[in-house]
Protein backbone atom coordinates (compact mmCIF):
# COMPACT_ATOMS: atom_id res chain seq x y z
CA UNK A 1 112.58 101.41 143.37
CA UNK A 2 115.02 99.57 142.49
CA UNK A 3 112.55 96.52 141.95
CA UNK A 4 110.49 98.73 139.60
CA UNK A 5 113.55 99.24 137.56
CA UNK A 6 114.42 96.08 137.74
CA UNK A 7 111.29 94.50 136.60
CA UNK A 8 111.08 97.43 133.66
CA UNK A 9 114.63 96.56 132.60
CA UNK A 10 113.69 92.65 132.21
CA UNK A 11 110.57 93.47 130.51
CA UNK A 12 112.52 95.99 128.23
CA UNK A 13 115.19 93.15 127.53
CA UNK A 14 112.28 90.62 126.73
CA UNK A 15 110.63 92.70 124.31
CA UNK A 16 113.77 93.41 122.18
CA UNK A 17 114.32 89.77 122.17
CA UNK A 18 110.90 88.89 121.27
CA UNK A 19 111.30 91.53 118.58
CA UNK A 20 114.70 90.21 117.41
CA UNK A 21 112.68 86.80 116.44
CA UNK A 22 110.43 88.47 114.02
CA UNK A 23 113.32 90.83 112.82
CA UNK A 24 115.65 87.95 112.66
CA UNK A 25 113.96 86.14 109.75
CA UNK A 26 116.24 85.25 107.05
CA UNK A 27 115.45 85.41 103.08
CA UNK A 28 115.00 81.71 103.31
CA UNK A 29 112.43 81.79 105.99
CA UNK A 30 110.39 84.62 104.09
CA UNK A 31 110.22 82.85 101.01
CA UNK A 32 108.61 79.70 102.62
CA UNK A 33 105.86 81.64 104.53
CA UNK A 34 105.38 83.57 101.27
CA UNK A 35 104.78 80.85 99.55
CA UNK A 36 102.89 78.94 102.05
CA UNK A 37 100.42 82.39 101.96
CA UNK A 38 100.03 81.75 98.26
CA UNK A 39 99.42 78.34 98.48
CA UNK A 40 96.97 79.11 101.15
CA UNK A 41 95.43 81.91 99.25
CA UNK A 42 94.96 79.91 95.94
CA UNK A 43 95.63 83.15 93.94
CA UNK A 44 94.39 83.25 90.32
CA UNK A 45 95.14 86.32 88.30
CA UNK A 46 95.44 89.55 89.89
CA UNK A 47 95.40 89.24 93.92
CA UNK A 48 92.29 91.09 95.19
CA UNK A 49 92.20 93.55 98.13
CA UNK A 50 91.75 90.90 100.76
CA UNK A 51 94.50 88.52 99.04
CA UNK A 52 96.79 91.38 99.13
CA UNK A 53 96.50 92.34 101.96
CA UNK A 54 97.83 88.85 103.50
CA UNK A 55 100.69 89.20 100.86
CA UNK A 56 101.64 92.46 101.77
CA UNK A 57 103.99 91.90 104.60
CA UNK A 58 105.91 89.80 102.14
CA UNK A 59 106.20 92.29 99.35
CA UNK A 60 107.97 94.99 98.10
CA UNK A 61 106.34 98.50 98.01
CA UNK A 62 106.98 98.76 94.37
CA UNK A 63 105.19 95.55 93.72
CA UNK A 64 102.22 96.69 96.20
CA UNK A 65 102.08 99.81 94.09
CA UNK A 66 102.08 98.08 90.93
CA UNK A 67 99.32 95.66 91.87
CA UNK A 68 97.11 98.35 93.08
CA UNK A 69 97.60 100.21 90.16
CA UNK A 70 96.52 97.37 87.99
CA UNK A 71 93.56 96.72 90.17
CA UNK A 72 92.39 99.91 89.39
CA UNK A 73 93.09 99.65 86.02
CA UNK A 74 91.40 95.75 85.91
CA UNK A 75 88.44 97.61 87.54
CA UNK A 76 87.87 100.16 84.90
CA UNK A 77 88.32 97.79 81.85
CA UNK A 78 85.79 95.51 83.70
CA UNK A 79 83.44 98.51 83.92
CA UNK A 80 84.21 99.69 80.28
CA UNK A 81 84.13 96.05 78.61
CA UNK A 82 81.70 93.90 80.88
CA UNK A 83 81.90 91.10 78.52
CA UNK A 84 85.28 90.69 77.87
CA UNK A 85 88.32 89.29 79.93
CA UNK A 86 90.26 91.86 81.95
CA UNK A 87 93.87 91.85 81.63
CA UNK A 88 95.58 90.09 84.89
CA UNK A 89 92.36 87.84 85.26
CA UNK A 90 93.65 84.34 85.00
CA UNK A 91 96.59 82.15 85.83
CA UNK A 92 99.59 82.40 88.35
CA UNK A 93 101.09 85.82 88.41
CA UNK A 94 103.54 84.35 90.83
CA UNK A 95 105.13 81.67 89.25
CA UNK A 96 105.77 80.65 85.46
CA UNK A 97 103.55 78.28 84.69
CA UNK A 98 99.83 79.47 84.21
CA UNK A 99 97.81 76.79 86.46
CA UNK A 100 100.76 77.37 89.39
CA UNK A 101 102.42 75.10 91.51
CA UNK A 102 100.56 72.77 93.70
CA UNK A 103 103.39 72.18 95.90
CA UNK A 104 107.01 73.67 96.50
CA UNK A 105 110.46 73.29 97.96
CA UNK A 106 113.13 75.85 99.19
CA UNK A 107 116.29 75.29 96.76
CA UNK A 108 119.59 77.43 97.00
CA UNK A 109 120.12 80.97 98.54
CA UNK A 110 122.69 82.96 96.77
CA UNK A 111 123.87 86.77 98.13
CA UNK A 112 124.45 89.21 95.48
CA UNK A 113 125.34 92.59 96.86
CA UNK A 114 122.72 93.86 99.00
CA UNK A 115 119.84 90.88 97.81
CA UNK A 116 119.44 87.32 98.48
CA UNK A 117 118.06 84.94 95.54
CA UNK A 118 116.16 81.81 96.82
CA UNK A 119 115.45 79.25 94.30
CA UNK A 120 112.03 77.53 94.87
CA UNK A 121 111.53 74.35 93.06
CA UNK A 122 108.02 74.14 92.24
CA UNK A 123 105.78 71.29 91.18
CA UNK A 124 102.44 71.09 89.72
CA UNK A 125 100.89 67.63 89.55
CA UNK A 126 97.21 66.87 87.79
CA UNK A 127 95.35 64.15 86.48
CA UNK A 128 97.28 64.62 83.45
CA UNK A 129 100.73 65.86 84.08
CA UNK A 130 103.43 66.30 86.39
CA UNK A 131 105.61 69.49 85.61
CA UNK A 132 108.85 70.63 87.68
CA UNK A 133 110.55 73.75 87.34
CA UNK A 134 112.70 76.52 89.26
CA UNK A 135 111.81 79.97 89.82
CA UNK A 136 114.02 82.29 91.91
CA UNK A 137 112.66 84.67 94.23
CA UNK A 138 114.88 88.05 94.63
CA UNK A 139 114.54 89.83 98.09
CA UNK A 140 115.94 92.69 99.67
CA UNK A 141 116.02 94.39 103.23
CA UNK A 142 113.86 97.28 103.89
CA UNK A 143 113.98 98.43 107.26
CA UNK A 144 115.29 95.40 108.68
CA UNK A 145 112.90 93.01 106.82
CA UNK A 146 113.46 90.83 103.62
CA UNK A 147 110.72 91.63 101.52
CA UNK A 148 110.16 89.99 97.54
CA UNK A 149 111.63 92.64 94.92
CA UNK A 150 110.80 90.08 91.89
CA UNK A 151 110.31 86.54 91.17
CA UNK A 152 112.64 85.32 87.95
CA UNK A 153 110.63 83.14 86.13
CA UNK A 154 112.62 79.77 84.73
CA UNK A 155 110.20 77.85 83.31
CA UNK A 156 111.12 76.65 80.19
CA UNK A 157 107.81 76.90 77.90
CA UNK A 158 106.49 79.14 75.82
CA UNK A 159 103.33 80.22 77.12
CA UNK A 160 104.51 82.01 80.59
CA UNK A 161 103.43 85.25 81.22
CA UNK A 162 106.60 86.70 80.75
CA UNK A 163 110.36 86.97 82.12
CA UNK A 164 109.18 87.62 86.11
CA UNK A 165 106.68 89.27 88.46
CA UNK A 166 107.66 92.72 87.53
CA UNK A 167 107.38 91.93 83.96
CA UNK A 168 104.40 90.00 84.49
CA UNK A 169 102.55 93.05 86.58
CA UNK A 170 103.45 95.62 83.91
C-alpha cells in the first residue's frame, strides 16, 4: 500500500511540475510565441476561423469576442455586397504597418500594475523597401496565463490601421 501511495505521490509531483512549466511562461515568452504563430499563419486582414483557433491561446477573451463579432459582420457584408471589398479584408491588423512584419525581435519589458508591456521590434523587408518600427504588446494574466489584451501601434506613418489592435478591430 505504501508503494502504491508513493507512486501516486511521485506522479502527482511530476504532474504539478509539468503544469508549472506551462503556467510559468512569462510575458516575453508568450509574446515571442504569439508573433511566431502570426508569422507562420501569415494572417492578412481579419483572421479566419482556423487562424483564430491557432491565435486564441494568446488572446484575451475580449479580443476573441471582437474578432468573432467582426467575422459575422464581414460575412454579412460580403453576402449583401458581393462585388465590394469587406471591412478588415486586407493588411496586417496586428501591427502598425499594412504590409506587416517580415521579422521581429523581442525588446524591453515593463511592469505597469497588473499588466506587462513588451516592446516588439518589427522589420519589413521587400525588394524596394526596408522599414523598422516598434509596437508594444500589452499582456495581462488571466487564470495564471499571460494573454494579449492589446497591441499599441507606434509606427510613425500616416496610413496605419489605427492607434492599437483594439482600435483597428472596432
